Amino acid sequence: MNAVGLLLLSLFALIFLVFSIAAAVKGGAQKEGDKEDMIKQIYLYLVLFVTLMMMLGGCISVYHEVTNLVNPSPYYQSFEDFKQGFGKYDRPAVEGSEGSETSQPEKSEEELRADYDALVKDYYDRENARAKHNLVKSLGWIIIPFPIFLFCQRRLVKKVESEKK
């Protein structure tokens, strides 16, 4: 399931939850104080649900980025492909060349191999840096909602305990 589908599913679940809660509030509580307490409790449950979903999404993203760090996606261009396409766009033409074709200085096999290895190393370095950057952003989806979740959860527990007494 892609991100848009997951977002739509979450949105529909949230809308269904809100309508269910509204129906329960309208039909369940008779006194004004009961309705107010029920609305506060529903609000706490909604905040808990949203923060929990945010943290879950963050955990999934953290797992994804850790796997990218451990096992990055492979570099797909082979050395033979690199040799065939080398220099079409990245080398300047030698002055004094004739016609529309540009004559370019030839590189030895060792120079081409060194360029190819540098290209592959740069690719993996970029992938590693991107994965680290996204890992830090994903940790934000866990760290930021966590205190809010704890605060609301403790308020809900205190409210339930006070109702039991």
Protein backbone atom coordinates (compact mmCIF):
# COMPACT_ATOMS: atom_id res chain seq x y z
CA MET A 1 0.00 0.00 0.00
CA ASN A 2 1.45 3.35 -0.95
CA ALA A 3 1.60 6.45 1.23
CA VAL A 4 -1.45 8.11 -0.35
CA GLY A 5 -3.59 5.02 0.23
CA LEU A 6 -2.44 4.79 3.81
CA LEU A 7 -3.19 8.48 4.33
CA LEU A 8 -6.69 8.12 2.88
CA LEU A 9 -7.36 5.03 4.99
CA SER A 10 -6.26 6.87 8.12
CA LEU A 11 -8.40 9.87 7.20
CA PHE A 12 -11.50 7.72 6.70
CA ALA A 13 -10.85 5.89 9.98
CA LEU A 14 -10.54 9.22 11.78
CA ILE A 15 -13.75 10.57 10.23
CA PHE A 16 -15.58 7.37 11.17
CA LEU A 17 -14.24 7.66 14.71
CA VAL A 18 -15.35 11.28 15.04
CA PHE A 19 -18.87 10.51 13.80
CA SER A 20 -19.11 7.50 16.12
CA ILE A 21 -18.03 9.62 19.05
CA ALA A 22 -20.48 12.38 18.16
CA ALA A 23 -23.32 9.85 18.03
CA ALA A 24 -22.29 8.43 21.41
CA VAL A 25 -22.13 11.90 22.96
CA LYS A 26 -25.52 12.87 21.59
CA GLY A 27 -27.26 9.71 22.72
CA GLY A 28 -25.28 8.66 25.80
CA ALA A 29 -24.89 11.50 28.27
CA GLN A 30 -27.94 13.20 29.77
CA LYS A 31 -26.40 15.80 32.04
CA GLU A 32 -24.40 18.77 30.78
CA GLY A 33 -21.41 17.88 32.99
CA ASP A 34 -21.41 14.32 31.68
CA LYS A 35 -21.31 15.58 28.09
CA GLU A 36 -18.42 17.90 28.86
CA ASP A 37 -16.46 15.14 30.58
CA MET A 38 -17.17 12.75 27.73
CA ILE A 39 -16.00 15.31 25.16
CA LYS A 40 -12.77 15.86 27.12
CA GLN A 41 -12.22 12.12 27.33
CA ILE A 42 -12.91 11.71 23.62
CA TYR A 43 -10.47 14.51 22.87
CA LEU A 44 -7.80 12.74 24.92
CA TYR A 45 -8.45 9.49 23.07
CA LEU A 46 -8.17 11.27 19.71
CA VAL A 47 -4.90 12.92 20.68
CA LEU A 48 -3.58 9.56 21.89
CA PHE A 49 -4.62 7.93 18.61
CA VAL A 50 -3.02 10.62 16.43
CA THR A 51 0.25 10.69 18.36
CA LEU A 52 0.40 6.91 18.36
CA MET A 53 -0.07 6.85 14.57
CA MET A 54 2.66 9.49 14.18
CA MET A 55 5.05 7.43 16.28
CA LEU A 56 4.17 4.27 14.37
CA GLY A 57 4.90 5.98 11.07
CA GLY A 58 8.18 7.24 12.51
CA CYS A 59 9.14 3.73 13.61
CA ILE A 60 8.44 2.38 10.13
CA SER A 61 10.53 5.16 8.57
CA VAL A 62 13.38 4.55 11.02
CA TYR A 63 13.37 0.85 10.10
CA HIS A 64 13.38 1.73 6.40
CA GLU A 65 16.33 4.11 6.76
CA VAL A 66 18.32 1.71 8.93
CA THR A 67 17.92 -0.95 6.24
CA ASN A 68 19.13 1.61 3.67
CA LEU A 69 22.20 2.24 5.83
CA VAL A 70 22.94 -1.46 6.28
CA ASN A 71 22.12 -2.50 2.72
CA PRO A 72 21.99 0.45 0.29
CA SER A 73 20.41 0.06 -3.11
CA PRO A 74 22.96 -1.19 -5.64
CA TYR A 75 24.64 0.86 -8.32
CA TYR A 76 23.30 -0.40 -11.64
CA GLN A 77 25.71 0.87 -14.29
CA SER A 78 28.35 -1.71 -15.12
CA PHE A 79 31.93 -0.84 -15.98
CA GLU A 80 31.36 -1.87 -19.61
CA ASP A 81 28.38 0.49 -19.89
CA PHE A 82 30.45 3.22 -18.26
CA LYS A 83 33.25 2.72 -20.82
CA GLN A 84 30.85 2.86 -23.77
CA GLY A 85 29.12 6.01 -22.57
CA PHE A 86 32.16 7.71 -21.11
CA GLY A 87 32.81 11.25 -22.18
CA LYS A 88 29.72 11.95 -24.20
CA TYR A 89 28.68 14.82 -21.99
CA ASP A 90 31.34 15.39 -19.38
CA ARG A 91 34.55 15.99 -21.38
CA PRO A 92 35.28 19.13 -23.40
CA ALA A 93 36.25 18.80 -27.02
CA VAL A 94 39.89 19.22 -28.02
CA GLU A 95 40.45 22.47 -29.84
CA GLY A 96 41.17 22.22 -33.53
CA SER A 97 38.85 19.28 -34.13
CA GLU A 98 37.17 19.04 -37.47
CA GLY A 99 33.53 18.47 -38.33
CA SER A 100 30.62 17.89 -36.01
CA GLU A 101 32.33 15.07 -34.14
CA THR A 102 34.57 16.10 -31.34
CA SER A 103 37.87 14.39 -30.83
CA GLN A 104 38.54 13.75 -27.19
CA PRO A 105 41.65 12.55 -25.46
CA GLU A 106 41.55 8.83 -24.88
CA LYS A 107 41.82 7.49 -21.35
CA SER A 108 43.54 4.28 -20.50
CA GLU A 109 41.70 1.30 -19.02
CA GLU A 110 43.18 2.06 -15.58
CA GLU A 111 42.04 5.70 -15.69
CA LEU A 112 38.56 4.62 -16.74
CA ARG A 113 38.46 2.03 -13.94
CA ALA A 114 39.56 4.69 -11.42
CA ASP A 115 36.86 7.08 -12.66
CA TYR A 116 34.25 4.32 -12.49
CA ASP A 117 35.28 3.32 -8.96
CA ALA A 118 35.16 6.97 -7.86
CA LEU A 119 31.68 7.27 -9.38
CA VAL A 120 30.45 4.17 -7.53
CA LYS A 121 32.01 5.36 -4.26
CA ASP A 122 30.36 8.77 -4.64
CA TYR A 123 27.03 7.07 -5.28
CA TYR A 124 27.27 4.98 -2.09
CA ASP A 125 28.45 8.00 -0.09
CA ARG A 126 25.41 9.99 -1.29
CA GLU A 127 23.08 7.10 -0.48
CA ASN A 128 24.61 6.79 2.99
CA ALA A 129 24.31 10.54 3.66
CA ARG A 130 20.70 10.56 2.41
CA ALA A 131 19.80 7.61 4.64
CA LYS A 132 21.36 9.31 7.69
CA HIS A 133 19.52 12.54 6.94
CA ASN A 134 16.19 10.74 6.57
CA LEU A 135 16.89 8.72 9.71
CA VAL A 136 17.19 11.91 11.74
CA LYS A 137 13.96 13.23 10.24
CA SER A 138 12.21 9.94 11.00
CA LEU A 139 13.36 10.05 14.61
CA GLY A 140 11.59 13.39 14.86
CA TRP A 141 8.31 11.61 14.12
CA ILE A 142 8.92 9.53 17.24
CA ILE A 143 10.53 12.04 19.60
CA ILE A 144 8.16 14.98 19.06
CA PRO A 145 4.78 13.25 19.65
CA PHE A 146 6.07 11.02 22.47
CA PRO A 147 5.83 13.63 25.30
CA ILE A 148 2.35 14.63 24.13
CA PHE A 149 1.31 10.99 24.16
CA LEU A 150 2.68 10.51 27.68
CA PHE A 151 0.99 13.66 28.96
CA CYS A 152 -2.42 12.73 27.56
CA GLN A 153 -2.10 9.12 28.66
CA ARG A 154 -1.32 10.17 32.25
CA ARG A 155 -4.27 12.59 32.27
CA LEU A 156 -6.55 9.84 31.04
CA VAL A 157 -5.31 7.43 33.70
CA LYS A 158 -5.84 10.06 36.43
CA LYS A 159 -9.33 10.76 35.14
CA VAL A 160 -10.26 7.06 35.13
CA GLU A 161 -8.86 6.60 38.64
CA SER A 162 -10.78 9.61 39.94
CA GLU A 163 -14.02 8.26 38.45
CA LYS A 164 -13.54 4.92 40.20
CA LYS A 165 -13.32 6.59 43.63
